Amino acid sequence: MLVNLWLVLWPHQKKVLGFVPATLEERVRCARITFLSSRTNTMLSIPLLFFMAAGSHGVALFA
């Protein structure tokens, strides 16, 4: 998730927001990549949160 955020999402997001100069076509392409990368991060965070909670409270779930 960290690699996805710092190496994929953030550089493209800077172009979409206008922090880095980019053409209109490049902004549209970066917007799509940013959308898919953000969705991937959301889907990866669900199991992460589950296993974080199960690590300390999992005994109650499986006892």
N, C-alpha and C. Protein backbone atom coordinates (compact mmCIF):
# COMPACT_ATOMS: atom_id res chain seq x y z
N MET A 1 0.82 -1.19 0.00
CA MET A 1 0.00 0.00 0.00
C MET A 1 0.87 1.26 0.00
N LEU A 2 1.96 1.20 0.76
CA LEU A 2 2.85 2.36 0.83
C LEU A 2 3.50 2.63 -0.51
N VAL A 3 3.94 1.58 -1.18
CA VAL A 3 4.55 1.73 -2.50
C VAL A 3 3.53 2.27 -3.50
N ASN A 4 2.32 1.76 -3.43
CA ASN A 4 1.26 2.23 -4.31
C ASN A 4 0.98 3.72 -4.08
N LEU A 5 0.99 4.12 -2.83
CA LEU A 5 0.73 5.52 -2.51
C LEU A 5 1.84 6.44 -2.99
N TRP A 6 3.07 6.14 -2.62
CA TRP A 6 4.17 7.07 -2.90
C TRP A 6 4.72 6.99 -4.31
N LEU A 7 4.64 5.82 -4.97
CA LEU A 7 5.23 5.69 -6.30
C LEU A 7 4.22 5.76 -7.43
N VAL A 8 2.95 5.56 -7.12
CA VAL A 8 1.93 5.59 -8.17
C VAL A 8 0.95 6.73 -7.94
N LEU A 9 0.31 6.72 -6.81
CA LEU A 9 -0.78 7.65 -6.55
C LEU A 9 -0.33 9.10 -6.45
N TRP A 10 0.63 9.38 -5.61
CA TRP A 10 1.01 10.76 -5.35
C TRP A 10 1.60 11.48 -6.57
N PRO A 11 2.51 10.88 -7.35
CA PRO A 11 3.01 11.60 -8.54
C PRO A 11 1.91 11.94 -9.55
N HIS A 12 0.96 11.04 -9.73
CA HIS A 12 -0.13 11.31 -10.66
C HIS A 12 -1.10 12.34 -10.09
N GLN A 13 -1.32 12.27 -8.79
CA GLN A 13 -2.24 13.22 -8.15
C GLN A 13 -1.69 14.64 -8.25
N LYS A 14 -0.39 14.82 -8.17
CA LYS A 14 0.20 16.15 -8.30
C LYS A 14 -0.07 16.74 -9.68
N LYS A 15 -0.08 15.90 -10.71
CA LYS A 15 -0.38 16.38 -12.06
C LYS A 15 -1.86 16.75 -12.18
N VAL A 16 -2.72 15.94 -11.59
CA VAL A 16 -4.16 16.21 -11.66
C VAL A 16 -4.49 17.51 -10.94
N LEU A 17 -3.87 17.74 -9.79
CA LEU A 17 -4.15 18.94 -9.00
C LEU A 17 -3.48 20.19 -9.54
N GLY A 18 -2.53 20.03 -10.46
CA GLY A 18 -1.88 21.18 -11.05
C GLY A 18 -0.61 21.61 -10.35
N PHE A 19 -0.10 20.81 -9.42
CA PHE A 19 1.17 21.14 -8.76
C PHE A 19 2.34 20.98 -9.71
N VAL A 20 2.19 20.06 -10.68
CA VAL A 20 3.20 19.79 -11.69
C VAL A 20 2.57 20.10 -13.05
N PRO A 21 3.26 20.85 -13.91
CA PRO A 21 2.68 21.15 -15.22
C PRO A 21 2.45 19.88 -16.05
N ALA A 22 1.27 19.80 -16.67
CA ALA A 22 0.93 18.64 -17.51
C ALA A 22 -0.10 19.08 -18.54
N THR A 23 -0.12 18.39 -19.67
CA THR A 23 -1.11 18.69 -20.71
C THR A 23 -2.47 18.14 -20.27
N LEU A 24 -3.50 18.54 -20.98
CA LEU A 24 -4.85 18.09 -20.65
C LEU A 24 -4.98 16.57 -20.81
N GLU A 25 -4.41 16.03 -21.90
CA GLU A 25 -4.48 14.58 -22.11
C GLU A 25 -3.77 13.81 -21.00
N GLU A 26 -2.64 14.35 -20.56
CA GLU A 26 -1.90 13.70 -19.48
C GLU A 26 -2.67 13.78 -18.16
N ARG A 27 -3.35 14.88 -17.93
CA ARG A 27 -4.17 15.01 -16.72
C ARG A 27 -5.32 14.02 -16.70
N VAL A 28 -5.95 13.81 -17.84
CA VAL A 28 -7.06 12.85 -17.93
C VAL A 28 -6.54 11.45 -17.67
N ARG A 29 -5.39 11.09 -18.27
CA ARG A 29 -4.79 9.77 -18.05
C ARG A 29 -4.41 9.59 -16.59
N CYS A 30 -3.82 10.62 -16.00
CA CYS A 30 -3.41 10.55 -14.59
C CYS A 30 -4.62 10.47 -13.66
N ALA A 31 -5.73 11.10 -14.03
CA ALA A 31 -6.94 11.03 -13.21
C ALA A 31 -7.46 9.59 -13.16
N ARG A 32 -7.41 8.89 -14.28
CA ARG A 32 -7.86 7.49 -14.31
C ARG A 32 -6.93 6.60 -13.47
N ILE A 33 -5.63 6.80 -13.62
CA ILE A 33 -4.66 6.01 -12.85
C ILE A 33 -4.83 6.28 -11.36
N THR A 34 -5.04 7.54 -11.01
CA THR A 34 -5.24 7.90 -9.61
C THR A 34 -6.50 7.26 -9.05
N PHE A 35 -7.56 7.25 -9.83
CA PHE A 35 -8.82 6.63 -9.40
C PHE A 35 -8.63 5.14 -9.12
N LEU A 36 -7.98 4.43 -10.05
CA LEU A 36 -7.78 2.99 -9.87
C LEU A 36 -6.82 2.69 -8.73
N SER A 37 -5.79 3.50 -8.59
CA SER A 37 -4.82 3.30 -7.51
C SER A 37 -5.46 3.54 -6.15
N SER A 38 -6.30 4.54 -6.06
CA SER A 38 -6.99 4.83 -4.81
C SER A 38 -7.96 3.70 -4.45
N ARG A 39 -8.63 3.18 -5.43
CA ARG A 39 -9.54 2.06 -5.19
C ARG A 39 -8.77 0.82 -4.73
N THR A 40 -7.59 0.59 -5.32
CA THR A 40 -6.76 -0.53 -4.90
C THR A 40 -6.32 -0.37 -3.45
N ASN A 41 -5.90 0.82 -3.07
CA ASN A 41 -5.51 1.07 -1.69
C ASN A 41 -6.67 0.82 -0.72
N THR A 42 -7.87 1.19 -1.11
CA THR A 42 -9.03 0.96 -0.26
C THR A 42 -9.27 -0.54 -0.08
N MET A 43 -9.18 -1.29 -1.16
CA MET A 43 -9.42 -2.73 -1.08
C MET A 43 -8.31 -3.43 -0.29
N LEU A 44 -7.09 -2.93 -0.34
CA LEU A 44 -6.00 -3.52 0.43
C LEU A 44 -6.09 -3.16 1.91
N SER A 45 -6.74 -2.06 2.24
CA SER A 45 -6.81 -1.65 3.63
C SER A 45 -7.83 -2.46 4.43
N ILE A 46 -8.81 -3.06 3.76
CA ILE A 46 -9.83 -3.85 4.46
C ILE A 46 -9.21 -5.06 5.16
N PRO A 47 -8.42 -5.92 4.46
CA PRO A 47 -7.80 -7.03 5.19
C PRO A 47 -6.78 -6.56 6.22
N LEU A 48 -6.09 -5.47 5.94
CA LEU A 48 -5.13 -4.92 6.89
C LEU A 48 -5.82 -4.57 8.20
N LEU A 49 -6.93 -3.88 8.14
CA LEU A 49 -7.66 -3.51 9.35
C LEU A 49 -8.22 -4.74 10.07
N PHE A 50 -8.69 -5.72 9.30
CA PHE A 50 -9.20 -6.95 9.91
C PHE A 50 -8.11 -7.66 10.70
N PHE A 51 -6.94 -7.83 10.10
CA PHE A 51 -5.87 -8.56 10.79
C PHE A 51 -5.28 -7.75 11.94
N MET A 52 -5.32 -6.43 11.86
CA MET A 52 -4.88 -5.62 13.00
C MET A 52 -5.82 -5.84 14.18
N ALA A 53 -7.12 -5.87 13.92
CA ALA A 53 -8.09 -6.08 15.00
C ALA A 53 -8.05 -7.52 15.49
N ALA A 54 -7.87 -8.47 14.59
CA ALA A 54 -7.85 -9.87 14.99
C ALA A 54 -6.59 -10.21 15.78
N GLY A 55 -5.52 -9.44 15.60
CA GLY A 55 -4.30 -9.71 16.34
C GLY A 55 -4.47 -9.52 17.83
N SER A 56 -5.25 -8.54 18.21
CA SER A 56 -5.42 -8.29 19.64
C SER A 56 -6.76 -8.79 20.18
N HIS A 57 -7.74 -8.95 19.33
CA HIS A 57 -9.07 -9.38 19.77
C HIS A 57 -9.50 -10.68 19.14
N GLY A 58 -8.62 -11.36 18.45
CA GLY A 58 -8.98 -12.57 17.70
C GLY A 58 -9.33 -13.75 18.58
N VAL A 59 -8.82 -13.78 19.80
CA VAL A 59 -9.13 -14.89 20.70
C VAL A 59 -10.63 -14.94 20.97
N ALA A 60 -11.24 -13.78 21.11
CA ALA A 60 -12.68 -13.72 21.37
C ALA A 60 -13.49 -14.19 20.15
N LEU A 61 -12.94 -14.02 18.96
CA LEU A 61 -13.65 -14.44 17.75
C LEU A 61 -13.61 -15.95 17.56
N PHE A 62 -12.49 -16.59 17.92
CA PHE A 62 -12.31 -17.99 17.60
C PHE A 62 -12.36 -18.89 18.83
N ALA A 63 -12.77 -18.40 19.96
CA ALA A 63 -12.82 -19.23 21.17
C ALA A 63 -14.20 -19.83 21.36
